[in-house]
Amino acid sequence: MKKLLLLSSSVFFCLFSNAQTKRCYTHELMVQKENQTHGYLQQVNNVFDNAKHIAEQNRSNRSLTDSIYHVQVVFHVVYTAAAENIPDSVLINQIEILNRDYRRKNADTVQTRACFQPVAADAGIEFYLATTDPDGNPTNGITRTVGHPQIAFLGFNPGSDEIKNATTGKTAWPTDRYLNIWVGNIFFGVVLGYAFPPDNAPNWPAGSATDSAHQGVVLHYAAVGANFSAPIDPTVAGGRSAVHEIGHYFGLRHIWGDSTDCVIDDGISDTPFASDASQQACDTTINSCVDSPVDFPDMIEN
């Protein structure tokens, strides 16, 4: 992940299934959005083209690479059962993981292959739990609310974003001051997380942007942190779902560009083309697209 703060117009849902076939369902949901608002996909591509232009400009401006961005976080734990009311220690651990990964201090950086070492970078982003609430009162950056999803045994429905509703869940703190992260039972664990980025990106199509009250990240409670007592799946344990979703919140697209044609990518020039996700096997022999002038393998490290 390069040090880029971009904005996108996509809503990202990451899925988990017993078959372990596909965790991220981004493109399908973009198509669904297109059906609701004609022209949405074209506008999404316009936004990413603009983001790519900004990224290239920033890469040539070395002064920007010395900046450290500090992001104020509030966790909204919205629970319907005791097990979902995860302890503070797990949320604190999640912040530690975010700071580790976004500063490229994670131990598995040693697995980055030599061909990608020149472009691997510290993103220069650090996170901290809020110490003051919107009214100026002291806080630990964690709220806890008993939730009331419409279909209780399924948990919160991501389609209606009901975890953020005042009646069924918890409303956001001001999204221009806090990164709101909601934690709860999201669709019975089928959905690990999703994100709505801020809606002031250029070329945002009319009727498709979310209002400010919905901006932020939503995580299934059992995918949070590396020290939760009952993670949903050891292969997604370690707090990386939050790392992934916050990347989307900042405007990063999947490296295969949510396409399978080796033509669209994530809009960042130092990422080679890929035809699909490599989340399961992380096979270093995969080279699903031909790159020019150098034919790199798929960047499974990303």
Protein backbone atom coordinates (compact mmCIF):
# COMPACT_ATOMS: atom_id res chain seq x y z
CA MET A 1 0.00 0.00 0.00
CA LYS A 2 1.51 3.31 -1.07
CA LYS A 3 1.11 6.52 0.87
CA LEU A 4 -2.01 7.70 -0.94
CA LEU A 5 -5.13 9.30 0.47
CA LEU A 6 -7.74 8.92 -2.24
CA LEU A 7 -11.52 8.90 -2.37
CA SER A 8 -13.67 6.42 -4.25
CA SER A 9 -17.36 6.01 -4.93
CA SER A 10 -17.76 2.33 -4.27
CA VAL A 11 -19.39 0.52 -1.39
CA PHE A 12 -17.35 -2.50 -0.42
CA PHE A 13 -18.73 -5.69 1.04
CA CYS A 14 -16.38 -8.52 1.94
CA LEU A 15 -18.00 -11.90 2.16
CA PHE A 16 -17.10 -15.11 3.91
CA SER A 17 -18.56 -18.48 2.94
CA ASN A 18 -18.18 -22.02 4.13
CA ALA A 19 -16.87 -22.92 0.69
CA GLN A 20 -14.08 -20.36 1.09
CA THR A 21 -14.48 -19.40 -2.57
CA LYS A 22 -14.93 -15.63 -2.52
CA ARG A 23 -14.64 -13.22 0.37
CA CYS A 24 -15.03 -9.92 -1.43
CA TYR A 25 -18.16 -9.13 -3.37
CA THR A 26 -17.34 -5.63 -4.50
CA HIS A 27 -17.95 -5.77 -8.24
CA GLU A 28 -21.29 -7.53 -7.93
CA LEU A 29 -22.50 -4.80 -5.59
CA MET A 30 -21.25 -2.11 -7.95
CA VAL A 31 -23.37 -3.74 -10.66
CA GLN A 32 -26.32 -3.72 -8.25
CA LYS A 33 -25.73 -0.01 -7.69
CA GLU A 34 -25.66 0.51 -11.45
CA ASN A 35 -29.09 -1.09 -11.66
CA GLN A 36 -30.35 1.38 -9.07
CA THR A 37 -28.63 4.44 -10.57
CA HIS A 38 -27.84 4.27 -14.30
CA GLY A 39 -24.37 5.57 -15.06
CA TYR A 40 -22.96 4.65 -11.64
CA LEU A 41 -20.26 2.30 -12.98
CA GLN A 42 -19.02 4.90 -15.43
CA GLN A 43 -18.87 7.48 -12.67
CA VAL A 44 -16.96 5.03 -10.48
CA ASN A 45 -14.40 4.62 -13.23
CA ASN A 46 -14.20 8.40 -13.64
CA VAL A 47 -13.49 8.77 -9.92
CA PHE A 48 -10.72 6.18 -10.03
CA ASP A 49 -9.19 7.80 -13.12
CA ASN A 50 -9.10 11.09 -11.24
CA ALA A 51 -7.64 9.37 -8.17
CA LYS A 52 -4.92 7.82 -10.33
CA HIS A 53 -4.01 11.26 -11.66
CA ILE A 54 -3.75 12.62 -8.11
CA ALA A 55 -1.66 9.63 -7.05
CA GLU A 56 0.82 10.17 -9.85
CA GLN A 57 1.14 13.83 -8.90
CA ASN A 58 1.73 12.94 -5.26
CA ARG A 59 4.41 10.42 -6.13
CA SER A 60 6.44 13.16 -7.77
CA ASN A 61 6.08 15.45 -4.76
CA ARG A 62 8.55 14.08 -2.24
CA SER A 63 7.49 16.53 0.50
CA LEU A 64 4.17 14.69 0.83
CA THR A 65 5.92 11.45 1.72
CA ASP A 66 7.19 12.94 4.99
CA SER A 67 3.69 13.51 6.38
CA ILE A 68 2.11 11.27 9.00
CA TYR A 69 -1.69 11.35 8.99
CA HIS A 70 -3.40 10.75 12.35
CA VAL A 71 -6.91 9.33 12.24
CA GLN A 72 -9.26 9.60 15.24
CA VAL A 73 -11.31 6.43 15.67
CA VAL A 74 -14.47 5.57 17.56
CA PHE A 75 -15.69 1.98 17.84
CA HIS A 76 -19.44 1.50 18.16
CA VAL A 77 -20.02 -1.99 19.58
CA VAL A 78 -23.66 -2.87 18.89
CA TYR A 79 -24.55 -6.24 20.40
CA THR A 80 -27.55 -8.53 20.76
CA ALA A 81 -25.79 -11.21 22.82
CA ALA A 82 -23.02 -11.18 25.40
CA ALA A 83 -20.52 -12.83 23.04
CA GLU A 84 -20.87 -9.94 20.59
CA ASN A 85 -20.01 -7.36 23.26
CA ILE A 86 -16.29 -7.84 22.67
CA PRO A 87 -13.90 -6.49 25.32
CA ASP A 88 -11.92 -3.27 25.13
CA SER A 89 -8.70 -5.27 24.84
CA VAL A 90 -9.74 -6.63 21.43
CA LEU A 91 -10.53 -3.16 20.11
CA ILE A 92 -7.27 -1.75 21.46
CA ASN A 93 -5.46 -4.63 19.79
CA GLN A 94 -7.20 -3.77 16.52
CA ILE A 95 -5.82 -0.23 16.71
CA GLU A 96 -2.35 -1.67 17.30
CA ILE A 97 -2.74 -3.87 14.21
CA LEU A 98 -3.84 -0.93 12.08
CA ASN A 99 -0.83 1.11 13.17
CA ARG A 100 1.49 -1.83 12.54
CA ASP A 101 0.18 -2.55 9.05
CA TYR A 102 -0.29 1.01 7.82
CA ARG A 103 3.26 1.87 8.90
CA ARG A 104 4.57 -1.37 7.34
CA LYS A 105 5.89 -2.72 10.62
CA ASN A 106 4.15 -6.09 10.25
CA ALA A 107 6.46 -9.08 10.55
CA ASP A 108 5.27 -10.66 7.32
CA THR A 109 6.84 -7.89 5.24
CA VAL A 110 9.77 -10.34 4.97
CA GLN A 111 7.57 -12.33 2.59
CA THR A 112 7.47 -9.46 0.09
CA ARG A 113 9.24 -10.74 -3.01
CA ALA A 114 12.27 -8.93 -4.38
CA CYS A 115 10.43 -7.70 -7.48
CA PHE A 116 8.00 -5.73 -5.30
CA GLN A 117 10.43 -4.46 -2.67
CA PRO A 118 11.10 -1.19 -4.58
CA VAL A 119 7.42 -0.19 -4.44
CA ALA A 120 6.51 -1.46 -0.96
CA ALA A 121 6.02 1.51 1.34
CA ASP A 122 4.97 2.87 4.70
CA ALA A 123 1.53 4.44 4.17
CA GLY A 124 2.23 7.07 6.81
CA ILE A 125 -1.15 6.68 8.51
CA GLU A 126 -1.63 6.16 12.25
CA PHE A 127 -4.83 5.58 14.20
CA TYR A 128 -5.80 6.41 17.76
CA LEU A 129 -8.89 5.98 19.90
CA ALA A 130 -10.76 9.20 20.45
CA THR A 131 -10.24 10.82 23.85
CA THR A 132 -13.03 13.39 23.55
CA ASP A 133 -16.60 12.76 22.42
CA PRO A 134 -18.59 15.12 20.15
CA ASP A 135 -19.76 17.12 23.19
CA GLY A 136 -16.24 17.60 24.50
CA ASN A 137 -16.51 15.01 27.26
CA PRO A 138 -13.73 12.52 28.01
CA THR A 139 -14.12 9.13 26.30
CA ASN A 140 -12.16 5.95 25.71
CA GLY A 141 -13.24 5.96 22.06
CA ILE A 142 -15.65 3.04 22.52
CA THR A 143 -19.45 3.12 22.71
CA ARG A 144 -21.62 0.13 23.62
CA THR A 145 -25.24 -0.21 22.58
CA VAL A 146 -27.82 -3.01 22.73
CA GLY A 147 -28.95 -3.49 19.15
CA HIS A 148 -32.31 -4.48 17.72
CA PRO A 149 -31.85 -5.83 14.18
CA GLN A 150 -35.09 -6.40 12.31
CA ILE A 151 -34.36 -10.12 11.94
CA ALA A 152 -32.59 -10.89 15.19
CA PHE A 153 -31.14 -14.33 14.42
CA LEU A 154 -29.49 -13.05 11.20
CA GLY A 155 -27.91 -10.03 12.84
CA PHE A 156 -27.61 -6.65 11.18
CA ASN A 157 -28.53 -6.39 7.52
CA PRO A 158 -25.77 -4.68 5.51
CA GLY A 159 -28.20 -3.94 2.69
CA SER A 160 -30.15 -1.53 4.88
CA ASP A 161 -27.11 -0.51 6.96
CA GLU A 162 -29.32 -0.88 10.01
CA ILE A 163 -26.45 -1.06 12.50
CA LYS A 164 -26.18 2.73 12.07
CA ASN A 165 -29.85 3.43 12.67
CA ALA A 166 -30.90 5.09 15.93
CA THR A 167 -33.73 2.61 16.42
CA THR A 168 -31.89 -0.61 15.58
CA GLY A 169 -28.28 0.32 16.26
CA LYS A 170 -26.06 3.33 16.94
CA THR A 171 -25.80 6.59 14.99
CA ALA A 172 -22.43 7.95 13.88
CA TRP A 173 -20.33 10.49 15.63
CA PRO A 174 -19.55 13.42 13.28
CA THR A 175 -17.88 11.76 10.30
CA ASP A 176 -15.80 14.83 9.49
CA ARG A 177 -14.03 14.40 12.84
CA TYR A 178 -14.03 10.64 13.52
CA LEU A 179 -13.54 7.42 11.62
CA ASN A 180 -16.60 5.53 12.84
CA ILE A 181 -16.19 1.75 13.02
CA TRP A 182 -19.30 -0.23 13.87
CA VAL A 183 -18.85 -3.74 15.29
CA GLY A 184 -21.66 -6.27 15.54
CA ASN A 185 -23.15 -9.48 14.24
CA ILE A 186 -23.22 -8.65 10.54
CA PHE A 187 -25.53 -10.95 8.62
CA PHE A 188 -24.64 -13.94 10.82
CA GLY A 189 -20.97 -13.68 9.87
CA VAL A 190 -21.55 -14.13 6.14
CA VAL A 191 -20.36 -10.54 5.70
CA LEU A 192 -17.04 -9.78 7.38
CA GLY A 193 -17.13 -6.08 6.70
CA TYR A 194 -17.91 -3.20 4.38
CA ALA A 195 -17.10 0.47 4.03
CA PHE A 196 -18.64 3.72 2.83
CA PRO A 197 -15.98 6.31 1.96
CA PRO A 198 -16.58 10.04 2.39
CA ASP A 199 -18.85 11.32 -0.35
CA ASN A 200 -16.99 14.41 -1.54
CA ALA A 201 -15.07 12.68 -4.30
CA PRO A 202 -15.32 14.40 -7.68
CA ASN A 203 -17.81 13.11 -10.27
CA TRP A 204 -19.92 11.32 -7.67
CA PRO A 205 -23.14 10.30 -9.47
CA ALA A 206 -26.36 11.89 -8.28
CA GLY A 207 -28.33 9.65 -5.94
CA SER A 208 -25.58 7.11 -5.37
CA ALA A 209 -23.52 8.69 -2.60
CA THR A 210 -24.20 7.89 1.02
CA ASP A 211 -25.02 10.66 3.43
CA SER A 212 -22.49 11.60 6.05
CA ALA A 213 -24.28 9.65 8.78
CA HIS A 214 -23.33 6.39 7.04
CA GLN A 215 -19.66 7.05 6.30
CA GLY A 216 -17.23 4.67 7.96
CA VAL A 217 -16.53 0.96 8.35
CA VAL A 218 -18.63 -1.94 9.59
CA LEU A 219 -17.02 -5.16 10.89
CA HIS A 220 -18.37 -8.51 12.00
CA TYR A 221 -17.45 -8.81 15.68
CA ALA A 222 -15.62 -12.14 15.31
CA ALA A 223 -13.27 -10.69 12.67
CA VAL A 224 -11.95 -7.90 14.91
CA GLY A 225 -8.47 -7.99 16.43
CA ALA A 226 -5.96 -10.80 16.79
CA ASN A 227 -6.81 -11.64 20.40
CA PHE A 228 -10.54 -12.37 20.17
CA SER A 229 -11.35 -15.62 21.97
CA ALA A 230 -13.46 -17.11 19.15
CA PRO A 231 -12.40 -15.79 15.72
CA ILE A 232 -14.76 -16.60 12.88
CA ASP A 233 -12.04 -18.25 10.81
CA PRO A 234 -8.32 -18.61 11.60
CA THR A 235 -7.45 -17.68 8.00
CA VAL A 236 -8.98 -14.22 8.45
CA ALA A 237 -7.93 -13.75 12.05
CA GLY A 238 -5.40 -11.13 12.97
CA GLY A 239 -7.40 -7.98 12.43
CA ARG A 240 -6.75 -7.84 8.69
CA SER A 241 -10.43 -7.40 7.80
CA ALA A 242 -10.27 -3.94 9.37
CA VAL A 243 -7.03 -3.18 7.53
CA HIS A 244 -8.71 -4.17 4.27
CA GLU A 245 -11.94 -2.24 4.81
CA ILE A 246 -10.22 0.93 5.97
CA GLY A 247 -8.13 0.76 2.81
CA HIS A 248 -11.40 0.88 0.88
CA TYR A 249 -12.61 3.73 3.10
CA PHE A 250 -9.49 5.66 2.07
CA GLY A 251 -10.27 4.98 -1.59
CA LEU A 252 -8.15 1.96 -2.50
CA ARG A 253 -9.65 -0.40 -5.03
CA HIS A 254 -8.96 -4.12 -5.30
CA ILE A 255 -5.77 -4.71 -7.24
CA TRP A 256 -7.63 -6.55 -10.02
CA GLY A 257 -9.90 -3.53 -10.44
CA ASP A 258 -12.98 -5.68 -9.79
CA SER A 259 -12.63 -6.98 -13.32
CA THR A 260 -11.37 -10.23 -14.86
CA ASP A 261 -10.13 -8.95 -18.21
CA CYS A 262 -6.56 -7.86 -17.33
CA VAL A 263 -7.46 -4.38 -18.61
CA ILE A 264 -8.79 -2.64 -15.48
CA ASP A 265 -6.69 -2.52 -12.32
CA ASP A 266 -6.61 -0.53 -9.09
CA GLY A 267 -5.51 2.68 -10.79
CA ILE A 268 -2.10 2.71 -9.09
CA SER A 269 0.71 2.40 -11.62
CA ASP A 270 3.08 0.32 -9.49
CA THR A 271 0.58 -2.53 -9.15
CA PRO A 272 0.71 -5.14 -11.94
CA PHE A 273 -2.51 -6.40 -13.48
CA ALA A 274 -4.33 -9.37 -11.96
CA SER A 275 -7.45 -11.17 -13.09
CA ASP A 276 -8.92 -12.00 -9.67
CA ALA A 277 -8.34 -12.21 -5.94
CA SER A 278 -5.65 -14.45 -4.45
CA GLN A 279 -6.96 -14.53 -0.91
CA GLN A 280 -7.13 -18.27 -0.46
CA ALA A 281 -3.91 -19.94 -1.54
CA CYS A 282 -1.64 -16.88 -1.94
CA ASP A 283 0.17 -18.85 -4.63
CA THR A 284 3.41 -17.08 -5.60
CA THR A 285 3.42 -18.80 -9.01
CA ILE A 286 0.24 -17.01 -10.17
CA ASN A 287 0.73 -14.72 -13.15
CA SER A 288 -2.79 -14.22 -14.44
CA CYS A 289 -2.09 -11.26 -16.74
CA VAL A 290 0.73 -10.30 -19.12
CA ASP A 291 2.35 -7.00 -18.15
CA SER A 292 4.52 -4.73 -20.26
CA PRO A 293 7.40 -3.91 -20.39
CA VAL A 294 8.04 -6.24 -17.42
CA ASP A 295 5.74 -9.21 -16.89
CA PHE A 296 5.33 -9.25 -13.10
CA PRO A 297 3.54 -12.04 -11.20
CA ASP A 298 0.31 -11.21 -9.41
CA MET A 299 0.99 -9.04 -6.37
CA ILE A 300 -0.53 -11.39 -3.81
CA GLU A 301 1.29 -9.45 -1.08
CA ASN A 302 -1.04 -6.48 -1.63
